[in-house]
């Protein structure tokens, strides 16, 4: 989630309609290779991490530029809440 456009510099690519993490250790946000996500125009977002058996949906109604803080904060909070 960080930047909207998937970037190989951040270990991301684009799959069938989704951004997908292709490499570990390249993205500042937590996640696993193979996780995928998408971001809506008014702040909504979702991601699926098959490795962690995790699906997360964030529903907010703010312009895309203002939602960046929440899009970056949300995955960090979710992954920190996982107890093993």
PDB file of N, CA and C in Angstrom:
ATOM      1  N   UNK A   1       0.736  -1.115   0.000  1.00  0.00           N
ATOM      2  CA  UNK A   1       0.000   0.000   0.000  1.00  0.00           C
ATOM      3  C   UNK A   1       0.817   1.237   0.000  1.00  0.00           C
ATOM      4  N   UNK A   2       1.716   1.705   0.618  1.00  0.00           N
ATOM      5  CA  UNK A   2       2.521   2.898   0.376  1.00  0.00           C
ATOM      6  C   UNK A   2       2.085   3.664  -0.847  1.00  0.00           C
ATOM      7  N   UNK A   3       2.860   3.620  -1.897  1.00  0.00           N
ATOM      8  CA  UNK A   3       2.514   4.287  -3.145  1.00  0.00           C
ATOM      9  C   UNK A   3       1.436   3.475  -3.856  1.00  0.00           C
ATOM     10  N   UNK A   4       0.638   4.164  -4.651  1.00  0.00           N
ATOM     11  CA  UNK A   4      -0.452   3.485  -5.342  1.00  0.00           C
ATOM     12  C   UNK A   4       0.073   2.570  -6.446  1.00  0.00           C
ATOM     13  N   UNK A   5       0.964   3.077  -7.282  1.00  0.00           N
ATOM     14  CA  UNK A   5       1.447   2.299  -8.419  1.00  0.00           C
ATOM     15  C   UNK A   5       2.419   1.214  -7.963  1.00  0.00           C
ATOM     16  N   UNK A   6       2.184  -0.041  -8.350  1.00  0.00           N
ATOM     17  CA  UNK A   6       3.131  -1.099  -8.023  1.00  0.00           C
ATOM     18  C   UNK A   6       4.484  -0.815  -8.676  1.00  0.00           C
ATOM     19  N   UNK A   7       5.552  -1.059  -7.946  1.00  0.00           N
ATOM     20  CA  UNK A   7       6.885  -0.743  -8.449  1.00  0.00           C
ATOM     21  C   UNK A   7       7.843  -1.896  -8.186  1.00  0.00           C
ATOM     22  N   UNK A   8       8.590  -2.334  -9.199  1.00  0.00           N
ATOM     23  CA  UNK A   8       9.593  -3.375  -8.976  1.00  0.00           C
ATOM     24  C   UNK A   8      10.638  -2.974  -7.931  1.00  0.00           C
ATOM     25  N   UNK A   9      10.886  -1.670  -7.782  1.00  0.00           N
ATOM     26  CA  UNK A   9      11.832  -1.203  -6.759  1.00  0.00           C
ATOM     27  C   UNK A   9      11.343  -1.556  -5.361  1.00  0.00           C
ATOM     28  N   UNK A  10      10.019  -1.650  -5.188  1.00  0.00           N
ATOM     29  CA  UNK A  10       9.432  -2.005  -3.893  1.00  0.00           C
ATOM     30  C   UNK A  10       9.012  -3.474  -3.855  1.00  0.00           C
ATOM     31  N   UNK A  11       9.515  -4.263  -4.799  1.00  0.00           N
ATOM     32  CA  UNK A  11       9.199  -5.695  -4.806  1.00  0.00           C
ATOM     33  C   UNK A  11       7.768  -5.981  -5.187  1.00  0.00           C
ATOM     34  N   UNK A  12       7.193  -5.159  -6.067  1.00  0.00           N
ATOM     35  CA  UNK A  12       5.798  -5.330  -6.463  1.00  0.00           C
ATOM     36  C   UNK A  12       5.675  -5.450  -7.972  1.00  0.00           C
ATOM     37  N   UNK A  13       4.597  -6.062  -8.391  1.00  0.00           N
ATOM     38  CA  UNK A  13       4.249  -6.141  -9.797  1.00  0.00           C
ATOM     39  C   UNK A  13       2.754  -5.962  -9.926  1.00  0.00           C
ATOM     40  N   UNK A  14       2.248  -6.235 -11.105  1.00  0.00           N
ATOM     41  CA  UNK A  14       0.811  -6.107 -11.313  1.00  0.00           C
ATOM     42  C   UNK A  14       0.304  -7.412 -11.885  1.00  0.00           C
ATOM     43  N   UNK A  15      -0.699  -7.983 -11.213  1.00  0.00           N
ATOM     44  CA  UNK A  15      -1.283  -9.237 -11.657  1.00  0.00           C
ATOM     45  C   UNK A  15      -2.597  -8.985 -12.362  1.00  0.00           C
ATOM     46  N   UNK A  16      -3.478  -9.928 -12.284  1.00  0.00           N
ATOM     47  CA  UNK A  16      -4.778  -9.851 -12.933  1.00  0.00           C
ATOM     48  C   UNK A  16      -5.701  -8.933 -12.133  1.00  0.00           C
ATOM     49  N   UNK A  17      -5.491  -7.625 -12.290  1.00  0.00           N
ATOM     50  CA  UNK A  17      -6.345  -6.650 -11.625  1.00  0.00           C
ATOM     51  C   UNK A  17      -5.893  -6.201 -10.249  1.00  0.00           C
ATOM     52  N   UNK A  18      -4.752  -6.664  -9.790  1.00  0.00           N
ATOM     53  CA  UNK A  18      -4.275  -6.326  -8.454  1.00  0.00           C
ATOM     54  C   UNK A  18      -2.786  -6.017  -8.482  1.00  0.00           C
ATOM     55  N   UNK A  19      -2.345  -5.248  -7.502  1.00  0.00           N
ATOM     56  CA  UNK A  19      -0.916  -5.126  -7.246  1.00  0.00           C
ATOM     57  C   UNK A  19      -0.520  -6.361  -6.442  1.00  0.00           C
ATOM     58  N   UNK A  20       0.653  -6.912  -6.712  1.00  0.00           N
ATOM     59  CA  UNK A  20       1.085  -8.130  -6.024  1.00  0.00           C
ATOM     60  C   UNK A  20       2.536  -7.984  -5.580  1.00  0.00           C
ATOM     61  N   UNK A  21       2.818  -8.460  -4.384  1.00  0.00           N
ATOM     62  CA  UNK A  21       4.193  -8.432  -3.869  1.00  0.00           C
ATOM     63  C   UNK A  21       4.952  -9.601  -4.477  1.00  0.00           C
ATOM     64  N   UNK A  22       6.030  -9.292  -5.159  1.00  0.00           N
ATOM     65  CA  UNK A  22       6.803 -10.329  -5.850  1.00  0.00           C
ATOM     66  C   UNK A  22       8.065 -10.733  -5.102  1.00  0.00           C
ATOM     67  N   UNK A  23       8.563  -9.854  -4.230  1.00  0.00           N
ATOM     68  CA  UNK A  23       9.808 -10.142  -3.516  1.00  0.00           C
ATOM     69  C   UNK A  23       9.705  -9.719  -2.055  1.00  0.00           C
ATOM     70  N   UNK A  24      10.367 -10.457  -1.201  1.00  0.00           N
ATOM     71  CA  UNK A  24      10.444 -10.095   0.213  1.00  0.00           C
ATOM     72  C   UNK A  24      11.539  -9.052   0.420  1.00  0.00           C
ATOM     73  N   UNK A  25      11.371  -8.206   1.431  1.00  0.00           N
ATOM     74  CA  UNK A  25      12.425  -7.284   1.831  1.00  0.00           C
ATOM     75  C   UNK A  25      12.568  -6.020   1.014  1.00  0.00           C
ATOM     76  N   UNK A  26      11.716  -5.792   0.031  1.00  0.00           N
ATOM     77  CA  UNK A  26      11.827  -4.603  -0.800  1.00  0.00           C
ATOM     78  C   UNK A  26      10.829  -3.512  -0.414  1.00  0.00           C
ATOM     79  N   UNK A  27       9.752  -3.877   0.240  1.00  0.00           N
ATOM     80  CA  UNK A  27       8.684  -2.938   0.566  1.00  0.00           C
ATOM     81  C   UNK A  27       8.769  -2.552   2.037  1.00  0.00           C
ATOM     82  N   UNK A  28       8.521  -1.294   2.340  1.00  0.00           N
ATOM     83  CA  UNK A  28       8.590  -0.837   3.730  1.00  0.00           C
ATOM     84  C   UNK A  28       7.399  -1.320   4.549  1.00  0.00           C
ATOM     85  N   UNK A  29       6.320  -1.697   3.894  1.00  0.00           N
ATOM     86  CA  UNK A  29       5.143  -2.184   4.615  1.00  0.00           C
ATOM     87  C   UNK A  29       5.257  -3.680   4.856  1.00  0.00           C
ATOM     88  N   UNK A  30       4.680  -4.173   5.952  1.00  0.00           N
ATOM     89  CA  UNK A  30       4.752  -5.606   6.229  1.00  0.00           C
ATOM     90  C   UNK A  30       3.943  -6.404   5.212  1.00  0.00           C
ATOM     91  N   UNK A  31       4.303  -7.655   5.053  1.00  0.00           N
ATOM     92  CA  UNK A  31       3.585  -8.531   4.147  1.00  0.00           C
ATOM     93  C   UNK A  31       4.466  -9.676   3.700  1.00  0.00           C
ATOM     94  N   UNK A  32       3.897 -10.528   2.869  1.00  0.00           N
ATOM     95  CA  UNK A  32       4.594 -11.725   2.390  1.00  0.00           C
ATOM     96  C   UNK A  32       4.600 -11.735   0.867  1.00  0.00           C
ATOM     97  N   UNK A  33       5.609 -12.335   0.264  1.00  0.00           N
ATOM     98  CA  UNK A  33       5.571 -12.495  -1.191  1.00  0.00           C
ATOM     99  C   UNK A  33       4.286 -13.227  -1.583  1.00  0.00           C
ATOM    100  N   UNK A  34       3.612 -12.718  -2.589  1.00  0.00           N
ATOM    101  CA  UNK A  34       2.346 -13.305  -3.025  1.00  0.00           C
ATOM    102  C   UNK A  34       1.131 -12.581  -2.493  1.00  0.00           C
ATOM    103  N   UNK A  35       1.313 -11.667  -1.525  1.00  0.00           N
ATOM    104  CA  UNK A  35       0.135 -10.917  -1.076  1.00  0.00           C
ATOM    105  C   UNK A  35      -0.262  -9.929  -2.167  1.00  0.00           C
ATOM    106  N   UNK A  36      -1.542  -9.592  -2.205  1.00  0.00           N
ATOM    107  CA  UNK A  36      -2.021  -8.678  -3.242  1.00  0.00           C
ATOM    108  C   UNK A  36      -3.008  -7.693  -2.655  1.00  0.00           C
ATOM    109  N   UNK A  37      -3.157  -6.555  -3.335  1.00  0.00           N
ATOM    110  CA  UNK A  37      -3.989  -5.485  -2.801  1.00  0.00           C
ATOM    111  C   UNK A  37      -4.502  -4.589  -3.915  1.00  0.00           C
ATOM    112  N   UNK A  38      -5.428  -3.738  -3.535  1.00  0.00           N
ATOM    113  CA  UNK A  38      -5.861  -2.652  -4.408  1.00  0.00           C
ATOM    114  C   UNK A  38      -6.406  -1.531  -3.547  1.00  0.00           C
ATOM    115  N   UNK A  39      -6.370  -0.312  -4.099  1.00  0.00           N
ATOM    116  CA  UNK A  39      -6.789   0.894  -3.391  1.00  0.00           C
ATOM    117  C   UNK A  39      -7.858   1.595  -4.218  1.00  0.00           C
ATOM    118  N   UNK A  40      -8.943   2.005  -3.557  1.00  0.00           N
ATOM    119  CA  UNK A  40     -10.016   2.721  -4.238  1.00  0.00           C
ATOM    120  C   UNK A  40      -9.775   4.223  -4.249  1.00  0.00           C
ATOM    121  N   UNK A  41     -10.529   4.927  -5.058  1.00  0.00           N
ATOM    122  CA  UNK A  41     -10.328   6.363  -5.268  1.00  0.00           C
ATOM    123  C   UNK A  41     -10.635   7.217  -4.040  1.00  0.00           C
ATOM    124  N   UNK A  42     -11.491   6.754  -3.142  1.00  0.00           N
ATOM    125  CA  UNK A  42     -11.830   7.560  -1.978  1.00  0.00           C
ATOM    126  C   UNK A  42     -11.377   6.930  -0.674  1.00  0.00           C
ATOM    127  N   UNK A  43     -10.244   6.253  -0.726  1.00  0.00           N
ATOM    128  CA  UNK A  43      -9.607   5.784   0.497  1.00  0.00           C
ATOM    129  C   UNK A  43      -9.833   4.335   0.852  1.00  0.00           C
ATOM    130  N   UNK A  44     -10.777   3.659   0.210  1.00  0.00           N
ATOM    131  CA  UNK A  44     -10.970   2.252   0.540  1.00  0.00           C
ATOM    132  C   UNK A  44      -9.762   1.447   0.053  1.00  0.00           C
ATOM    133  N   UNK A  45      -9.485   0.373   0.733  1.00  0.00           N
ATOM    134  CA  UNK A  45      -8.413  -0.513   0.282  1.00  0.00           C
ATOM    135  C   UNK A  45      -8.639  -1.906   0.851  1.00  0.00           C
ATOM    136  N   UNK A  46      -7.991  -2.869   0.229  1.00  0.00           N
ATOM    137  CA  UNK A  46      -8.014  -4.221   0.767  1.00  0.00           C
ATOM    138  C   UNK A  46      -6.689  -4.882   0.426  1.00  0.00           C
ATOM    139  N   UNK A  47      -6.357  -5.895   1.172  1.00  0.00           N
ATOM    140  CA  UNK A  47      -5.238  -6.744   0.799  1.00  0.00           C
ATOM    141  C   UNK A  47      -5.486  -8.147   1.314  1.00  0.00           C
ATOM    142  N   UNK A  48      -4.872  -9.097   0.632  1.00  0.00           N
ATOM    143  CA  UNK A  48      -4.974 -10.508   0.969  1.00  0.00           C
ATOM    144  C   UNK A  48      -3.551 -11.039   1.079  1.00  0.00           C
ATOM    145  N   UNK A  49      -3.255 -11.678   2.190  1.00  0.00           N
ATOM    146  CA  UNK A  49      -1.952 -12.292   2.409  1.00  0.00           C
ATOM    147  C   UNK A  49      -2.181 -13.794   2.597  1.00  0.00           C
ATOM    148  N   UNK A  50      -2.077 -14.582   1.514  1.00  0.00           N
ATOM    149  CA  UNK A  50      -2.328 -16.018   1.624  1.00  0.00           C
ATOM    150  C   UNK A  50      -1.389 -16.728   2.606  1.00  0.00           C
ATOM    151  N   UNK A  51      -0.162 -16.279   2.722  1.00  0.00           N
ATOM    152  CA  UNK A  51       0.788 -16.911   3.634  1.00  0.00           C
ATOM    153  C   UNK A  51       0.301 -16.825   5.078  1.00  0.00           C
ATOM    154  N   UNK A  52      -0.220 -15.672   5.455  1.00  0.00           N
ATOM    155  CA  UNK A  52      -0.708 -15.455   6.822  1.00  0.00           C
ATOM    156  C   UNK A  52      -2.187 -15.811   6.986  1.00  0.00           C
ATOM    157  N   UNK A  53      -2.826 -16.263   5.886  1.00  0.00           N
ATOM    158  CA  UNK A  53      -4.268 -16.549   5.893  1.00  0.00           C
ATOM    159  C   UNK A  53      -5.034 -15.322   6.395  1.00  0.00           C
ATOM    160  N   UNK A  54      -4.756 -14.187   5.759  1.00  0.00           N
ATOM    161  CA  UNK A  54      -5.265 -12.898   6.220  1.00  0.00           C
ATOM    162  C   UNK A  54      -5.952 -12.157   5.077  1.00  0.00           C
ATOM    163  N   UNK A  55      -7.113 -11.614   5.379  1.00  0.00           N
ATOM    164  CA  UNK A  55      -7.817 -10.714   4.463  1.00  0.00           C
ATOM    165  C   UNK A  55      -8.171  -9.477   5.267  1.00  0.00           C
ATOM    166  N   UNK A  56      -7.857  -8.304   4.745  1.00  0.00           N
ATOM    167  CA  UNK A  56      -8.148  -7.060   5.459  1.00  0.00           C
ATOM    168  C   UNK A  56      -8.816  -6.077   4.507  1.00  0.00           C
ATOM    169  N   UNK A  57      -9.819  -5.383   5.011  1.00  0.00           N
ATOM    170  CA  UNK A  57     -10.545  -4.380   4.237  1.00  0.00           C
ATOM    171  C   UNK A  57     -10.624  -3.117   5.073  1.00  0.00           C
ATOM    172  N   UNK A  58     -10.292  -1.992   4.464  1.00  0.00           N
ATOM    173  CA  UNK A  58     -10.408  -0.699   5.150  1.00  0.00           C
ATOM    174  C   UNK A  58     -11.402   0.154   4.360  1.00  0.00           C
ATOM    175  N   UNK A  59     -12.430   0.602   5.031  1.00  0.00           N
ATOM    176  CA  UNK A  59     -13.458   1.406   4.385  1.00  0.00           C
ATOM    177  C   UNK A  59     -13.446   2.799   5.008  1.00  0.00           C
ATOM    178  N   UNK A  60     -12.867   3.751   4.308  1.00  0.00           N
ATOM    179  CA  UNK A  60     -12.886   5.146   4.739  1.00  0.00           C
ATOM    180  C   UNK A  60     -13.382   5.976   3.568  1.00  0.00           C
ATOM    181  N   UNK A  61     -13.827   7.161   3.851  1.00  0.00           N
ATOM    182  CA  UNK A  61     -14.349   8.033   2.803  1.00  0.00           C
ATOM    183  C   UNK A  61     -13.619   9.363   2.872  1.00  0.00           C
ATOM    184  N   UNK A  62     -12.422   9.384   2.339  1.00  0.00           N
ATOM    185  CA  UNK A  62     -11.627  10.613   2.252  1.00  0.00           C
ATOM    186  C   UNK A  62     -10.930  10.608   0.890  1.00  0.00           C
ATOM    187  N   UNK A  63     -10.557  11.772   0.382  1.00  0.00           N
ATOM    188  CA  UNK A  63      -9.831  11.801  -0.893  1.00  0.00           C
ATOM    189  C   UNK A  63      -8.550  10.971  -0.817  1.00  0.00           C
ATOM    190  N   UNK A  64      -8.160  10.423  -1.942  1.00  0.00           N
ATOM    191  CA  UNK A  64      -7.027   9.509  -2.018  1.00  0.00           C
ATOM    192  C   UNK A  64      -5.760  10.064  -1.375  1.00  0.00           C
ATOM    193  N   UNK A  65      -5.448  11.321  -1.623  1.00  0.00           N
ATOM    194  CA  UNK A  65      -4.230  11.920  -1.057  1.00  0.00           C
ATOM    195  C   UNK A  65      -4.278  11.910   0.472  1.00  0.00           C
ATOM    196  N   UNK A  66      -5.425  12.196   1.044  1.00  0.00           N
ATOM    197  CA  UNK A  66      -5.550  12.228   2.507  1.00  0.00           C
ATOM    198  C   UNK A  66      -5.557  10.834   3.123  1.00  0.00           C
ATOM    199  N   UNK A  67      -5.893   9.819   2.349  1.00  0.00           N
ATOM    200  CA  UNK A  67      -5.988   8.472   2.912  1.00  0.00           C
ATOM    201  C   UNK A  67      -4.638   7.766   2.993  1.00  0.00           C
ATOM    202  N   UNK A  68      -3.605   8.344   2.434  1.00  0.00           N
ATOM    203  CA  UNK A  68      -2.295   7.673   2.420  1.00  0.00           C
ATOM    204  C   UNK A  68      -1.821   7.299   3.827  1.00  0.00           C
ATOM    205  N   UNK A  69      -1.972   8.214   4.767  1.00  0.00           N
ATOM    206  CA  UNK A  69      -1.553   7.939   6.149  1.00  0.00           C
ATOM    207  C   UNK A  69      -2.239   6.679   6.674  1.00  0.00           C
ATOM    208  N   UNK A  70      -3.547   6.559   6.444  1.00  0.00           N
ATOM    209  CA  UNK A  70      -4.300   5.410   6.943  1.00  0.00           C
ATOM    210  C   UNK A  70      -3.926   4.129   6.199  1.00  0.00           C
ATOM    211  N   UNK A  71      -3.687   4.243   4.895  1.00  0.00           N
ATOM    212  CA  UNK A  71      -3.298   3.072   4.107  1.00  0.00           C
ATOM    213  C   UNK A  71      -1.955   2.526   4.561  1.00  0.00           C
ATOM    214  N   UNK A  72      -1.066   3.381   5.036  1.00  0.00           N
ATOM    215  CA  UNK A  72       0.237   2.926   5.522  1.00  0.00           C
ATOM    216  C   UNK A  72       0.158   2.429   6.960  1.00  0.00           C
ATOM    217  N   UNK A  73      -0.691   3.040   7.756  1.00  0.00           N
ATOM    218  CA  UNK A  73      -0.828   2.670   9.166  1.00  0.00           C
ATOM    219  C   UNK A  73      -1.586   1.353   9.352  1.00  0.00           C
ATOM    220  N   UNK A  74      -2.643   1.160   8.585  1.00  0.00           N
ATOM    221  CA  UNK A  74      -3.518   0.007   8.757  1.00  0.00           C
ATOM    222  C   UNK A  74      -2.791  -1.337   8.665  1.00  0.00           C
ATOM    223  N   UNK A  75      -1.998  -1.608   7.614  1.00  0.00           N
ATOM    224  CA  UNK A  75      -1.312  -2.913   7.573  1.00  0.00           C
ATOM    225  C   UNK A  75      -0.340  -3.115   8.735  1.00  0.00           C
ATOM    226  N   UNK A  76       0.349  -2.069   9.115  1.00  0.00           N
ATOM    227  CA  UNK A  76       1.286  -2.198  10.238  1.00  0.00           C
ATOM    228  C   UNK A  76       0.548  -2.599  11.514  1.00  0.00           C
ATOM    229  N   UNK A  77      -0.580  -1.980  11.776  1.00  0.00           N
ATOM    230  CA  UNK A  77      -1.355  -2.318  12.971  1.00  0.00           C
ATOM    231  C   UNK A  77      -1.910  -3.735  12.917  1.00  0.00           C
ATOM    232  N   UNK A  78      -2.384  -4.146  11.747  1.00  0.00           N
ATOM    233  CA  UNK A  78      -2.938  -5.493  11.605  1.00  0.00           C
ATOM    234  C   UNK A  78      -1.866  -6.556  11.830  1.00  0.00           C
ATOM    235  N   UNK A  79      -0.705  -6.400  11.182  1.00  0.00           N
ATOM    236  CA  UNK A  79       0.351  -7.393  11.355  1.00  0.00           C
ATOM    237  C   UNK A  79       0.899  -7.413  12.777  1.00  0.00           C
ATOM    238  N   UNK A  80       0.919  -6.274  13.439  1.00  0.00           N
ATOM    239  CA  UNK A  80       1.389  -6.230  14.833  1.00  0.00           C
ATOM    240  C   UNK A  80       0.418  -6.950  15.762  1.00  0.00           C
ATOM    241  N   UNK A  81      -0.850  -7.045  15.368  1.00  0.00           N
ATOM    242  CA  UNK A  81      -1.851  -7.684  16.216  1.00  0.00           C
ATOM    243  C   UNK A  81      -1.838  -9.217  16.087  1.00  0.00           C
ATOM    244  N   UNK A  82      -1.107  -9.756  15.127  1.00  0.00           N
ATOM    245  CA  UNK A  82      -1.054 -11.209  14.953  1.00  0.00           C
ATOM    246  C   UNK A  82      -0.228 -11.812  16.089  1.00  0.00           C
ATOM    247  N   UNK A  83      -0.817 -12.771  16.770  1.00  0.00           N
ATOM    248  CA  UNK A  83      -0.140 -13.451  17.878  1.00  0.00           C
ATOM    249  C   UNK A  83       0.138 -14.874  17.436  1.00  0.00           C
ATOM    250  N   UNK A  84       1.371 -15.303  17.605  1.00  0.00           N
ATOM    251  CA  UNK A  84       1.731 -16.683  17.209  1.00  0.00           C
ATOM    252  C   UNK A  84       1.962 -17.523  18.419  1.00  0.00           C
TER     253      UNK A  84
END
